[in-house]
Amino acid sequence: MPRTPLAKSTVDVEVGARIRARRKLLGLSQSALGERLGITFQQVQKYEKGSNRVGSSRLQSIALVLGTTPAALFGEEGPIADTLEVAVVERMLTSPDGVALSKAFVQIRDLRSRRAIINLVKSLAADNSE
């Protein structure tokens, strides 16, 4: 009797998104993460998309390579995990534009320039919400 594919679990998709966000934040490719874990980049892709469930021992290995904890990959890192700010940051870091903006922003050393950029982005966001 042929097996039918299981539907993606919301938890698997969310964990995968956090793995992807953390990997991209660290500037690692899927291939580089896969090499460190002893798996293929295709397997990393499947984990990140939530297509394949990450087992507990593999999740521990991924967290170790990414310099975080399994709890953080579940979104349960302390009481702030449920705050709006954390959700917004996670959403931003799962987008290519958000990752690019974050990487470029942290390279700016001048505090006045950083504040000017923050004010500009806030102004643009306010214009879009009207």
C-alpha atoms as a PDB file:
ATOM      1  CA  MET A   1       0.000   0.000   0.000  1.00  0.00           C
ATOM      2  CA  PRO A   2       1.624   3.337  -1.034  1.00  0.00           C
ATOM      3  CA  ARG A   3       2.224   5.900   1.661  1.00  0.00           C
ATOM      4  CA  THR A   4       0.647   9.313   1.312  1.00  0.00           C
ATOM      5  CA  PRO A   5       2.841  12.301   2.101  1.00  0.00           C
ATOM      6  CA  LEU A   6       2.173  13.935   5.442  1.00  0.00           C
ATOM      7  CA  ALA A   7       1.149  17.565   5.541  1.00  0.00           C
ATOM      8  CA  LYS A   8       3.746  20.008   6.816  1.00  0.00           C
ATOM      9  CA  SER A   9       3.379  20.713  10.495  1.00  0.00           C
ATOM     10  CA  THR A  10       3.214  24.362  11.539  1.00  0.00           C
ATOM     11  CA  VAL A  11       5.894  23.663  14.147  1.00  0.00           C
ATOM     12  CA  ASP A  12       8.186  22.097  11.534  1.00  0.00           C
ATOM     13  CA  VAL A  13       7.754  25.121   9.251  1.00  0.00           C
ATOM     14  CA  GLU A  14       8.426  27.574  12.107  1.00  0.00           C
ATOM     15  CA  VAL A  15      11.507  25.700  13.325  1.00  0.00           C
ATOM     16  CA  GLY A  16      12.765  25.545   9.742  1.00  0.00           C
ATOM     17  CA  ALA A  17      12.254  29.291   9.315  1.00  0.00           C
ATOM     18  CA  ARG A  18      14.263  29.968  12.484  1.00  0.00           C
ATOM     19  CA  ILE A  19      17.059  27.677  11.293  1.00  0.00           C
ATOM     20  CA  ARG A  20      17.126  29.532   7.968  1.00  0.00           C
ATOM     21  CA  ALA A  21      17.071  32.958   9.629  1.00  0.00           C
ATOM     22  CA  ARG A  22      19.905  32.075  12.005  1.00  0.00           C
ATOM     23  CA  ARG A  23      21.961  30.488   9.201  1.00  0.00           C
ATOM     24  CA  LYS A  24      21.553  33.562   6.995  1.00  0.00           C
ATOM     25  CA  LEU A  25      22.329  35.897   9.888  1.00  0.00           C
ATOM     26  CA  LEU A  26      25.630  34.059  10.331  1.00  0.00           C
ATOM     27  CA  GLY A  27      26.319  34.236   6.604  1.00  0.00           C
ATOM     28  CA  LEU A  28      26.335  30.467   6.130  1.00  0.00           C
ATOM     29  CA  SER A  29      25.167  28.830   2.926  1.00  0.00           C
ATOM     30  CA  GLN A  30      22.993  25.734   3.025  1.00  0.00           C
ATOM     31  CA  SER A  31      26.001  23.804   1.722  1.00  0.00           C
ATOM     32  CA  ALA A  32      28.257  25.088   4.503  1.00  0.00           C
ATOM     33  CA  LEU A  33      25.715  24.187   7.175  1.00  0.00           C
ATOM     34  CA  GLY A  34      25.200  20.790   5.577  1.00  0.00           C
ATOM     35  CA  GLU A  35      28.957  20.122   5.524  1.00  0.00           C
ATOM     36  CA  ARG A  36      29.261  20.946   9.214  1.00  0.00           C
ATOM     37  CA  LEU A  37      26.363  18.617   9.980  1.00  0.00           C
ATOM     38  CA  GLY A  38      27.464  15.839   7.635  1.00  0.00           C
ATOM     39  CA  ILE A  39      24.344  16.109   5.471  1.00  0.00           C
ATOM     40  CA  THR A  40      23.542  17.429   1.998  1.00  0.00           C
ATOM     41  CA  PHE A  41      22.382  20.960   1.289  1.00  0.00           C
ATOM     42  CA  GLN A  42      19.168  19.413  -0.060  1.00  0.00           C
ATOM     43  CA  GLN A  43      18.472  17.995   3.389  1.00  0.00           C
ATOM     44  CA  VAL A  44      19.083  21.439   4.913  1.00  0.00           C
ATOM     45  CA  GLN A  45      16.589  22.850   2.382  1.00  0.00           C
ATOM     46  CA  LYS A  46      13.993  20.294   3.429  1.00  0.00           C
ATOM     47  CA  TYR A  47      14.487  21.125   7.109  1.00  0.00           C
ATOM     48  CA  GLU A  48      14.229  24.862   6.420  1.00  0.00           C
ATOM     49  CA  LYS A  49      11.035  24.468   4.385  1.00  0.00           C
ATOM     50  CA  GLY A  50       9.502  22.188   7.013  1.00  0.00           C
ATOM     51  CA  SER A  51       9.210  19.384   4.459  1.00  0.00           C
ATOM     52  CA  ASN A  52      11.278  17.084   6.667  1.00  0.00           C
ATOM     53  CA  ARG A  53      10.951  17.000  10.421  1.00  0.00           C
ATOM     54  CA  VAL A  54      14.159  17.689  12.367  1.00  0.00           C
ATOM     55  CA  GLY A  55      14.896  14.953  14.888  1.00  0.00           C
ATOM     56  CA  SER A  56      15.994  15.899  18.392  1.00  0.00           C
ATOM     57  CA  SER A  57      19.648  14.885  18.010  1.00  0.00           C
ATOM     58  CA  ARG A  58      19.879  16.676  14.649  1.00  0.00           C
ATOM     59  CA  LEU A  59      18.205  19.780  16.151  1.00  0.00           C
ATOM     60  CA  GLN A  60      20.836  19.773  18.918  1.00  0.00           C
ATOM     61  CA  SER A  61      23.599  19.571  16.280  1.00  0.00           C
ATOM     62  CA  ILE A  62      22.065  22.364  14.212  1.00  0.00           C
ATOM     63  CA  ALA A  63      21.723  24.589  17.276  1.00  0.00           C
ATOM     64  CA  LEU A  64      25.357  23.937  18.207  1.00  0.00           C
ATOM     65  CA  VAL A  65      26.624  24.818  14.714  1.00  0.00           C
ATOM     66  CA  LEU A  66      24.432  27.943  14.654  1.00  0.00           C
ATOM     67  CA  GLY A  67      25.590  29.028  18.114  1.00  0.00           C
ATOM     68  CA  THR A  68      22.153  28.899  19.697  1.00  0.00           C
ATOM     69  CA  THR A  69      19.933  26.494  21.620  1.00  0.00           C
ATOM     70  CA  PRO A  70      17.224  24.097  20.483  1.00  0.00           C
ATOM     71  CA  ALA A  71      14.777  26.134  22.586  1.00  0.00           C
ATOM     72  CA  ALA A  72      15.619  29.241  20.539  1.00  0.00           C
ATOM     73  CA  LEU A  73      14.922  27.323  17.331  1.00  0.00           C
ATOM     74  CA  PHE A  74      11.515  26.443  18.781  1.00  0.00           C
ATOM     75  CA  GLY A  75      10.944  30.116  19.597  1.00  0.00           C
ATOM     76  CA  GLU A  76      10.922  29.402  23.317  1.00  0.00           C
ATOM     77  CA  GLU A  77      14.036  31.211  24.469  1.00  0.00           C
ATOM     78  CA  GLY A  78      12.894  32.879  27.673  1.00  0.00           C
ATOM     79  CA  PRO A  79       9.868  35.064  28.315  1.00  0.00           C
ATOM     80  CA  ILE A  80      10.620  37.506  25.473  1.00  0.00           C
ATOM     81  CA  ALA A  81       9.983  34.862  22.805  1.00  0.00           C
ATOM     82  CA  ASP A  82       6.319  35.803  22.658  1.00  0.00           C
ATOM     83  CA  THR A  83       6.796  39.548  22.370  1.00  0.00           C
ATOM     84  CA  LEU A  84       5.858  41.476  19.258  1.00  0.00           C
ATOM     85  CA  GLU A  85       9.416  42.741  18.785  1.00  0.00           C
ATOM     86  CA  VAL A  86      10.846  39.221  18.570  1.00  0.00           C
ATOM     87  CA  ALA A  87       8.169  38.165  16.085  1.00  0.00           C
ATOM     88  CA  VAL A  88       8.915  41.221  13.929  1.00  0.00           C
ATOM     89  CA  VAL A  89      12.661  40.558  13.999  1.00  0.00           C
ATOM     90  CA  GLU A  90      12.154  36.897  13.116  1.00  0.00           C
ATOM     91  CA  ARG A  91       9.886  37.867  10.215  1.00  0.00           C
ATOM     92  CA  MET A  92      12.428  40.406   8.992  1.00  0.00           C
ATOM     93  CA  LEU A  93      15.319  37.960   9.165  1.00  0.00           C
ATOM     94  CA  THR A  94      13.471  35.380   7.130  1.00  0.00           C
ATOM     95  CA  SER A  95      13.317  37.732   4.137  1.00  0.00           C
ATOM     96  CA  PRO A  96      16.290  38.296   1.809  1.00  0.00           C
ATOM     97  CA  ASP A  97      15.835  42.079   2.027  1.00  0.00           C
ATOM     98  CA  GLY A  98      15.735  41.973   5.817  1.00  0.00           C
ATOM     99  CA  VAL A  99      18.942  39.965   6.000  1.00  0.00           C
ATOM    100  CA  ALA A 100      20.686  42.313   3.538  1.00  0.00           C
ATOM    101  CA  LEU A 101      19.514  45.392   5.466  1.00  0.00           C
ATOM    102  CA  SER A 102      20.657  43.921   8.785  1.00  0.00           C
ATOM    103  CA  LYS A 103      24.093  42.980   7.472  1.00  0.00           C
ATOM    104  CA  ALA A 104      24.651  46.406   5.947  1.00  0.00           C
ATOM    105  CA  PHE A 105      23.321  48.260   9.003  1.00  0.00           C
ATOM    106  CA  VAL A 106      25.667  46.566  11.492  1.00  0.00           C
ATOM    107  CA  GLN A 107      28.641  47.598   9.353  1.00  0.00           C
ATOM    108  CA  ILE A 108      27.822  51.282   9.867  1.00  0.00           C
ATOM    109  CA  ARG A 109      29.954  52.506  12.763  1.00  0.00           C
ATOM    110  CA  ASP A 110      28.828  56.131  12.896  1.00  0.00           C
ATOM    111  CA  LEU A 111      26.042  56.452  15.479  1.00  0.00           C
ATOM    112  CA  ARG A 112      24.548  59.547  13.843  1.00  0.00           C
ATOM    113  CA  SER A 113      24.320  57.762  10.501  1.00  0.00           C
ATOM    114  CA  ARG A 114      22.633  54.775  12.141  1.00  0.00           C
ATOM    115  CA  ARG A 115      20.057  57.007  13.818  1.00  0.00           C
ATOM    116  CA  ALA A 116      19.425  58.847  10.543  1.00  0.00           C
ATOM    117  CA  ILE A 117      18.763  55.525   8.805  1.00  0.00           C
ATOM    118  CA  ILE A 118      16.400  54.427  11.569  1.00  0.00           C
ATOM    119  CA  ASN A 119      14.501  57.711  11.309  1.00  0.00           C
ATOM    120  CA  LEU A 120      14.326  57.386   7.519  1.00  0.00           C
ATOM    121  CA  VAL A 121      12.954  53.845   7.704  1.00  0.00           C
ATOM    122  CA  LYS A 122      10.410  54.841  10.359  1.00  0.00           C
ATOM    123  CA  SER A 123       9.308  57.751   8.186  1.00  0.00           C
ATOM    124  CA  LEU A 124       8.912  55.522   5.138  1.00  0.00           C
ATOM    125  CA  ALA A 125       6.966  52.973   7.177  1.00  0.00           C
ATOM    126  CA  ALA A 126       4.651  55.690   8.502  1.00  0.00           C
ATOM    127  CA  ASP A 127       4.040  56.946   4.947  1.00  0.00           C
ATOM    128  CA  ASN A 128       3.062  53.425   3.839  1.00  0.00           C
ATOM    129  CA  SER A 129       0.639  52.897   6.703  1.00  0.00           C
ATOM    130  CA  GLU A 130      -1.447  55.963   5.882  1.00  0.00           C
END
